[in-house]
Amino acid sequence: MFYCLSILVAGYILFFTDSLILFFFAYEMLLIPSFFILYKFAKTRRCVEAAYLMFFWTQFGALFLILALLYLFFTCNSSQFSLISYFYFSPFEVNFLFVCVLCGFGVKLPIWPFYGWLPKAHVEASTNFSIFLSGVLVKFAFFGLLKMLLTIHLEPTFIYIYPFLVIGIVDAVFKLFYQIDLKKLVAYSTVVEMHWLTICVVSGQSNLMLASFCMMIAHALLSTNSFLLVDAVARRFKTRLLTEISGINFLCPKLFLMILLNSLIFLGFPGSIFFVSEFLFFSFFFDLFPVLTLFILFFLYLLGPTFFFRSWMNVMFGCSNTLSLRIPADLTTREFLVFASISTLMYWLGISWQALVI
């Protein structure tokens, strides 16, 4: 609890400070409690390795971030965001700052090629930390990137960043195909969504900014619900491997219902907030890059959900001989209410956003 409170205090400073120095120190302070949560409660050698990977990659991104902040400080002779926002930067300076800021925060988001630490951290960490990592820590990196882009008025002409983001989407989607660990499957699905979110932010378009906020809320709720469902499956079947789990629809009907509902929301079922974010993104992004939109649409709407839903279908349907010998307990009333509340919230937010857009 002390580590979590430290993270929230650092995040509060990150949100409201006007100082470059406090902004950087608050962002770095997010790493220290996160590292100790993962390291001190490590149960395996792989968990220790995941903690050091997270520490190394975050510090690697901090080198780019501190380079950008030092350049702003010595160029503008000020460490205040409110004063730096009045300075004019040449196109070369804008692109330089944009690349440094994107690499600095992209490690924590994470985006390709820096996201190798995230699936390992999710797999080895507890469910509580996975939810905290995906729902809170990653969002601080998103806000830091957004604050730098908006406050310093970075409108990049560096269009070569889009191929890297598209490569990240393609890479993460194909890695969904051969995952046999349910937690790693959810982790790679969150990586796909964060690349999607980054495309919205770096576009600089107000309409896509609206889609990014909607997508950020949808990602936080969907990833939280998915990690909780994986934990519910693991506690009942004592494993997360797809090769050892099947027949949930026969053995645990309530759990099957929640998994099916969560999978439909991931597919962008109409009415949910995830559907609203997808609709806003593709309707506005198509006006900017029609061909790129069709390419992304193929991976995000066809291959990605197909690989994700295929794995969960193997878990939900079928009945193995090993499981029929011992029937696990179904969801308790408390667990069912938690999952149903999160799913209902996603649909309620989706309907509210649709009314706002209309």
Protein backbone atom coordinates (compact mmCIF):
# COMPACT_ATOMS: atom_id res chain seq x y z
CA MET A 1 0.00 0.00 0.00
CA PHE A 2 2.92 2.35 0.73
CA TYR A 3 4.33 1.74 -2.77
CA CYS A 4 0.93 2.36 -4.38
CA LEU A 5 0.45 5.60 -2.44
CA SER A 6 3.93 6.72 -3.53
CA ILE A 7 2.98 6.10 -7.16
CA LEU A 8 -0.26 8.07 -6.77
CA VAL A 9 1.55 11.02 -5.14
CA ALA A 10 4.11 11.06 -7.96
CA GLY A 11 1.27 10.88 -10.48
CA TYR A 12 -0.48 13.81 -8.79
CA ILE A 13 2.69 15.90 -9.12
CA LEU A 14 3.05 14.80 -12.74
CA PHE A 15 -0.45 16.03 -13.50
CA PHE A 16 -0.36 19.45 -11.87
CA THR A 17 3.23 20.66 -11.85
CA ASP A 18 4.35 23.48 -14.13
CA SER A 19 8.05 22.75 -13.63
CA LEU A 20 10.10 20.65 -16.04
CA ILE A 21 12.30 19.46 -13.17
CA LEU A 22 9.41 18.29 -10.97
CA PHE A 23 7.75 16.78 -14.01
CA PHE A 24 10.82 14.66 -14.78
CA PHE A 25 11.42 13.63 -11.16
CA ALA A 26 7.75 12.69 -10.70
CA TYR A 27 7.86 10.57 -13.84
CA GLU A 28 11.01 8.82 -12.61
CA MET A 29 9.48 8.32 -9.16
CA LEU A 30 6.82 6.14 -10.77
CA LEU A 31 9.53 3.58 -11.56
CA ILE A 32 11.02 3.05 -8.09
CA PRO A 33 7.89 1.80 -6.24
CA SER A 34 6.88 -0.23 -9.30
CA PHE A 35 10.28 -1.94 -9.37
CA PHE A 36 10.10 -2.80 -5.66
CA ILE A 37 6.55 -4.15 -5.98
CA LEU A 38 7.68 -6.50 -8.72
CA TYR A 39 11.09 -7.33 -7.17
CA LYS A 40 10.27 -7.75 -3.48
CA PHE A 41 7.25 -9.96 -4.09
CA ALA A 42 9.04 -12.04 -6.74
CA LYS A 43 8.47 -15.76 -6.43
CA THR A 44 10.60 -16.94 -9.34
CA ARG A 45 13.84 -16.00 -11.06
CA ARG A 46 11.85 -14.90 -14.10
CA CYS A 47 9.99 -12.37 -11.97
CA VAL A 48 13.30 -10.84 -10.88
CA GLU A 49 14.37 -10.73 -14.53
CA ALA A 50 11.11 -8.98 -15.46
CA ALA A 51 11.68 -6.38 -12.71
CA TYR A 52 15.18 -5.58 -14.00
CA LEU A 53 13.94 -5.46 -17.60
CA MET A 54 11.29 -2.92 -16.60
CA PHE A 55 13.93 -0.88 -14.73
CA PHE A 56 16.43 -0.99 -17.61
CA TRP A 57 13.99 -0.06 -20.36
CA THR A 58 12.41 2.76 -18.36
CA GLN A 59 15.84 4.22 -17.61
CA PHE A 60 16.76 3.86 -21.27
CA GLY A 61 13.71 5.95 -22.20
CA ALA A 62 14.60 8.49 -19.51
CA LEU A 63 17.83 9.27 -21.37
CA PHE A 64 15.85 10.56 -24.35
CA LEU A 65 13.45 12.43 -22.09
CA ILE A 66 16.14 14.20 -20.10
CA LEU A 67 17.89 15.13 -23.38
CA ALA A 68 14.70 16.85 -24.57
CA LEU A 69 14.14 18.59 -21.23
CA LEU A 70 17.75 19.83 -21.06
CA TYR A 71 17.48 21.20 -24.58
CA LEU A 72 14.27 23.06 -23.63
CA PHE A 73 15.88 24.43 -20.46
CA PHE A 74 19.05 25.76 -22.10
CA THR A 75 17.25 27.02 -25.20
CA CYS A 76 14.41 28.83 -23.42
CA ASN A 77 16.29 29.73 -20.19
CA SER A 78 13.27 28.57 -18.22
CA SER A 79 11.99 25.43 -16.55
CA GLN A 80 8.31 26.44 -16.58
CA PHE A 81 5.88 24.90 -19.05
CA SER A 82 3.83 28.09 -19.12
CA LEU A 83 6.84 30.13 -20.30
CA ILE A 84 8.28 27.55 -22.69
CA SER A 85 4.94 27.38 -24.51
CA TYR A 86 5.53 30.93 -25.84
CA PHE A 87 8.77 30.04 -27.61
CA TYR A 88 8.91 29.29 -31.32
CA PHE A 89 10.81 26.19 -32.44
CA SER A 90 12.05 25.49 -35.94
CA PRO A 91 10.77 22.37 -37.78
CA PHE A 92 14.06 20.58 -37.08
CA GLU A 93 13.80 21.37 -33.36
CA VAL A 94 10.18 20.25 -33.29
CA ASN A 95 11.06 16.90 -34.89
CA PHE A 96 14.05 16.45 -32.59
CA LEU A 97 11.98 17.13 -29.46
CA PHE A 98 9.15 14.99 -30.76
CA VAL A 99 11.38 11.94 -31.33
CA CYS A 100 13.03 12.33 -27.91
CA VAL A 101 9.71 12.72 -26.10
CA LEU A 102 8.12 9.83 -27.97
CA CYS A 103 11.03 7.51 -27.19
CA GLY A 104 11.06 8.67 -23.56
CA PHE A 105 7.39 7.96 -22.92
CA GLY A 106 7.09 5.23 -25.56
CA VAL A 107 9.11 2.84 -23.41
CA LYS A 108 6.50 3.04 -20.65
CA LEU A 109 3.44 3.11 -22.95
CA PRO A 110 4.96 0.85 -24.49
CA ILE A 111 5.44 0.95 -28.26
CA TRP A 112 7.59 -1.02 -30.67
CA PRO A 113 10.48 -1.84 -30.34
CA PHE A 114 10.49 -1.13 -26.59
CA TYR A 115 7.59 -3.25 -25.36
CA GLY A 116 9.44 -6.54 -24.78
CA TRP A 117 9.47 -6.00 -21.00
CA LEU A 118 5.70 -5.55 -20.61
CA PRO A 119 4.43 -9.11 -21.38
CA LYS A 120 7.14 -10.55 -19.12
CA ALA A 121 6.19 -8.18 -16.30
CA HIS A 122 2.50 -9.04 -16.67
CA VAL A 123 3.12 -12.79 -16.72
CA GLU A 124 5.37 -12.84 -13.66
CA ALA A 125 3.56 -10.19 -11.59
CA SER A 126 0.48 -10.71 -9.47
CA THR A 127 -2.94 -9.89 -10.87
CA ASN A 128 -3.18 -6.80 -8.66
CA PHE A 129 0.05 -5.37 -10.06
CA SER A 130 -0.96 -6.27 -13.63
CA ILE A 131 -4.17 -4.30 -13.21
CA PHE A 132 -2.27 -1.41 -11.62
CA LEU A 133 0.38 -1.48 -14.34
CA SER A 134 -2.10 -1.54 -17.23
CA GLY A 135 -4.75 0.71 -15.73
CA VAL A 136 -2.66 3.34 -13.92
CA LEU A 137 1.07 3.39 -14.69
CA VAL A 138 0.69 3.16 -18.46
CA LYS A 139 -1.86 5.99 -18.34
CA PHE A 140 0.65 8.26 -16.59
CA ALA A 141 3.02 7.76 -19.53
CA PHE A 142 0.16 8.59 -21.90
CA PHE A 143 -0.61 11.78 -19.98
CA GLY A 144 3.07 12.78 -19.87
CA LEU A 145 3.33 12.42 -23.66
CA LEU A 146 0.11 14.36 -24.16
CA LYS A 147 1.21 17.15 -21.82
CA MET A 148 4.54 17.57 -23.61
CA LEU A 149 2.91 17.61 -27.05
CA LEU A 150 0.17 20.07 -26.13
CA THR A 151 2.04 22.41 -23.79
CA ILE A 152 5.08 22.86 -26.03
CA HIS A 153 2.90 22.85 -29.17
CA LEU A 154 4.79 20.04 -30.84
CA GLU A 155 3.11 19.51 -34.20
CA PRO A 156 5.53 17.05 -35.78
CA THR A 157 6.27 16.86 -39.46
CA PHE A 158 8.14 13.64 -38.76
CA ILE A 159 5.73 11.30 -40.56
CA TYR A 160 8.12 8.35 -40.39
CA ILE A 161 6.84 7.53 -36.91
CA TYR A 162 3.69 5.95 -38.39
CA PRO A 163 5.55 2.97 -39.96
CA PHE A 164 7.04 2.14 -36.54
CA LEU A 165 3.61 2.22 -34.91
CA VAL A 166 2.10 0.10 -37.69
CA ILE A 167 4.97 -2.40 -37.39
CA GLY A 168 4.26 -2.58 -33.65
CA ILE A 169 0.59 -3.37 -34.32
CA VAL A 170 1.48 -6.07 -36.86
CA ASP A 171 4.12 -7.60 -34.60
CA ALA A 172 1.85 -7.72 -31.53
CA VAL A 173 -1.09 -9.09 -33.53
CA PHE A 174 0.93 -11.99 -34.91
CA LYS A 175 2.28 -12.74 -31.43
CA LEU A 176 -1.32 -13.18 -30.29
CA PHE A 177 -1.54 -16.22 -32.56
CA TYR A 178 0.86 -18.56 -30.76
CA GLN A 179 0.40 -17.56 -27.11
CA ILE A 180 -0.62 -20.39 -24.79
CA ASP A 181 -0.56 -18.34 -21.56
CA LEU A 182 -3.83 -16.45 -21.06
CA LYS A 183 -2.13 -13.61 -19.19
CA LYS A 184 0.45 -13.09 -21.92
CA LEU A 185 -2.40 -13.16 -24.45
CA VAL A 186 -4.12 -10.28 -22.64
CA ALA A 187 -0.78 -8.45 -22.30
CA TYR A 188 -0.16 -8.49 -26.06
CA SER A 189 -3.73 -7.35 -26.71
CA THR A 190 -3.06 -4.31 -24.49
CA VAL A 191 0.13 -3.63 -26.50
CA VAL A 192 -1.95 -3.51 -29.69
CA GLU A 193 -4.35 -1.03 -28.12
CA MET A 194 -1.52 1.22 -26.86
CA HIS A 195 -0.06 1.49 -30.37
CA TRP A 196 -3.52 2.39 -31.55
CA LEU A 197 -3.76 5.02 -28.83
CA THR A 198 -0.35 6.49 -29.71
CA ILE A 199 -1.39 6.91 -33.35
CA CYS A 200 -4.30 9.06 -32.17
CA VAL A 201 -2.08 11.23 -29.97
CA VAL A 202 0.74 11.88 -32.44
CA SER A 203 -1.69 12.76 -35.24
CA GLY A 204 -2.36 16.14 -33.61
CA GLN A 205 -6.00 16.13 -34.76
CA SER A 206 -8.62 17.22 -32.22
CA ASN A 207 -11.09 14.59 -33.42
CA LEU A 208 -8.56 11.82 -32.94
CA MET A 209 -7.68 13.28 -29.53
CA LEU A 210 -11.33 12.74 -28.59
CA ALA A 211 -11.03 9.15 -29.83
CA SER A 212 -7.83 8.68 -27.80
CA PHE A 213 -9.51 9.70 -24.52
CA CYS A 214 -12.39 7.36 -25.22
CA MET A 215 -9.94 4.59 -26.11
CA MET A 216 -7.91 5.20 -22.95
CA ILE A 217 -10.99 4.72 -20.75
CA ALA A 218 -11.99 1.63 -22.74
CA HIS A 219 -8.47 0.17 -22.48
CA ALA A 220 -8.32 0.69 -18.70
CA LEU A 221 -11.67 -1.04 -18.10
CA LEU A 222 -11.19 -3.80 -20.67
CA SER A 223 -7.67 -4.74 -19.55
CA THR A 224 -8.75 -4.69 -15.89
CA ASN A 225 -11.68 -6.99 -16.60
CA SER A 226 -9.52 -9.30 -18.73
CA PHE A 227 -6.80 -9.69 -16.07
CA LEU A 228 -9.45 -10.35 -13.42
CA LEU A 229 -10.99 -13.05 -15.61
CA VAL A 230 -7.60 -14.67 -16.17
CA ASP A 231 -7.06 -14.66 -12.40
CA ALA A 232 -10.50 -16.23 -11.87
CA VAL A 233 -9.62 -18.99 -14.38
CA ALA A 234 -6.17 -19.58 -12.87
CA ARG A 235 -7.49 -19.88 -9.31
CA ARG A 236 -10.01 -22.53 -10.35
CA PHE A 237 -7.91 -24.58 -12.75
CA LYS A 238 -4.48 -23.97 -11.11
CA THR A 239 -3.01 -23.02 -14.49
CA ARG A 240 -3.21 -20.36 -17.21
CA LEU A 241 -2.13 -22.58 -20.11
CA LEU A 242 -4.58 -22.99 -22.99
CA THR A 243 -3.46 -26.60 -23.45
CA GLU A 244 -4.76 -27.53 -20.00
CA ILE A 245 -8.02 -25.58 -19.81
CA SER A 246 -11.24 -26.32 -21.69
CA GLY A 247 -14.93 -26.79 -21.10
CA ILE A 248 -15.61 -23.69 -19.00
CA ASN A 249 -19.09 -23.46 -20.53
CA PHE A 250 -19.95 -26.85 -18.96
CA LEU A 251 -18.07 -26.53 -15.69
CA CYS A 252 -18.49 -22.83 -14.75
CA PRO A 253 -21.49 -21.27 -16.54
CA LYS A 254 -21.22 -17.87 -14.82
CA LEU A 255 -17.51 -17.60 -15.58
CA PHE A 256 -18.23 -18.62 -19.17
CA LEU A 257 -20.85 -15.88 -19.47
CA MET A 258 -18.45 -13.18 -18.24
CA ILE A 259 -15.63 -14.37 -20.53
CA LEU A 260 -17.98 -14.39 -23.51
CA LEU A 261 -19.25 -10.89 -22.73
CA ASN A 262 -15.70 -9.56 -22.28
CA SER A 263 -14.63 -11.15 -25.59
CA LEU A 264 -17.55 -9.54 -27.40
CA ILE A 265 -16.60 -6.14 -25.99
CA PHE A 266 -13.02 -6.70 -27.18
CA LEU A 267 -14.42 -7.41 -30.65
CA GLY A 268 -16.10 -3.98 -30.56
CA PHE A 269 -19.69 -5.02 -29.90
CA PRO A 270 -22.06 -2.11 -30.69
CA GLY A 271 -23.04 -0.05 -27.68
CA SER A 272 -19.82 -0.54 -25.70
CA ILE A 273 -17.27 2.23 -25.18
CA PHE A 274 -14.72 0.20 -27.12
CA PHE A 275 -17.02 0.28 -30.14
CA VAL A 276 -17.36 4.07 -29.80
CA SER A 277 -13.58 4.54 -29.67
CA GLU A 278 -13.11 2.33 -32.75
CA PHE A 279 -15.81 4.19 -34.65
CA LEU A 280 -14.33 7.60 -33.82
CA PHE A 281 -10.82 6.48 -34.73
CA PHE A 282 -11.58 4.92 -38.11
CA SER A 283 -14.10 7.54 -39.20
CA PHE A 284 -11.62 10.38 -38.62
CA PHE A 285 -8.38 8.58 -39.50
CA PHE A 286 -9.78 7.51 -42.88
CA ASP A 287 -9.89 11.19 -43.97
CA LEU A 288 -6.16 11.53 -43.23
CA PHE A 289 -4.69 8.23 -44.48
CA PRO A 290 -7.23 6.12 -46.42
CA VAL A 291 -4.82 3.34 -47.46
CA LEU A 292 -3.17 3.12 -44.03
CA THR A 293 -6.61 3.01 -42.41
CA LEU A 294 -7.62 -0.01 -44.50
CA PHE A 295 -4.34 -1.74 -43.63
CA ILE A 296 -4.79 -1.11 -39.90
CA LEU A 297 -8.44 -2.10 -40.17
CA PHE A 298 -7.40 -5.49 -41.55
CA PHE A 299 -5.16 -6.20 -38.56
CA LEU A 300 -7.26 -4.61 -35.81
CA TYR A 301 -10.66 -5.88 -36.94
CA LEU A 302 -9.83 -9.18 -38.63
CA LEU A 303 -6.55 -10.77 -37.55
CA GLY A 304 -6.22 -9.37 -34.01
CA PRO A 305 -9.72 -10.25 -32.75
CA THR A 306 -9.58 -13.58 -34.62
CA PHE A 307 -6.38 -14.65 -32.86
CA PHE A 308 -7.61 -13.32 -29.50
CA PHE A 309 -11.08 -14.87 -29.70
CA ARG A 310 -9.68 -18.16 -31.07
CA SER A 311 -7.67 -18.72 -27.90
CA TRP A 312 -10.60 -17.93 -25.62
CA MET A 313 -12.87 -20.18 -27.68
CA ASN A 314 -10.52 -23.08 -26.94
CA VAL A 315 -10.85 -22.27 -23.25
CA MET A 316 -14.63 -21.85 -23.22
CA PHE A 317 -15.72 -24.82 -25.33
CA GLY A 318 -14.87 -28.49 -25.29
CA CYS A 319 -14.49 -30.82 -22.34
CA SER A 320 -11.27 -32.65 -21.49
CA ASN A 321 -11.08 -35.86 -19.48
CA THR A 322 -8.78 -34.36 -16.87
CA LEU A 323 -11.22 -31.58 -16.00
CA SER A 324 -14.25 -33.86 -15.85
CA LEU A 325 -12.66 -35.71 -12.91
CA ARG A 326 -12.74 -32.59 -10.71
CA ILE A 327 -15.33 -29.90 -11.29
CA PRO A 328 -14.03 -26.49 -10.12
CA ALA A 329 -16.21 -23.99 -8.30
CA ASP A 330 -18.04 -21.41 -10.38
CA LEU A 331 -17.90 -17.65 -9.82
CA THR A 332 -19.07 -16.48 -6.43
CA THR A 333 -21.78 -13.85 -6.20
CA ARG A 334 -19.19 -11.20 -5.32
CA GLU A 335 -17.01 -12.04 -8.32
CA PHE A 336 -20.00 -12.14 -10.65
CA LEU A 337 -21.13 -8.69 -9.47
CA VAL A 338 -17.61 -7.25 -10.01
CA PHE A 339 -17.38 -8.55 -13.59
CA ALA A 340 -20.95 -7.56 -14.38
CA SER A 341 -20.38 -4.06 -12.98
CA ILE A 342 -17.28 -3.46 -15.14
CA SER A 343 -19.06 -4.75 -18.26
CA THR A 344 -22.13 -2.61 -17.48
CA LEU A 345 -19.89 0.43 -16.95
CA MET A 346 -18.31 -0.06 -20.38
CA TYR A 347 -21.73 -0.14 -22.01
CA TRP A 348 -23.01 2.81 -19.97
CA LEU A 349 -19.96 4.88 -20.94
CA GLY A 350 -20.39 3.79 -24.56
CA ILE A 351 -24.01 4.96 -24.64
CA SER A 352 -23.02 8.24 -22.93
CA TRP A 353 -20.24 8.90 -25.46
CA GLN A 354 -22.57 8.12 -28.35
CA ALA A 355 -24.99 10.73 -27.06
CA LEU A 356 -22.06 13.19 -26.74
CA VAL A 357 -20.85 12.55 -30.29
CA ILE A 358 -24.33 12.86 -31.76
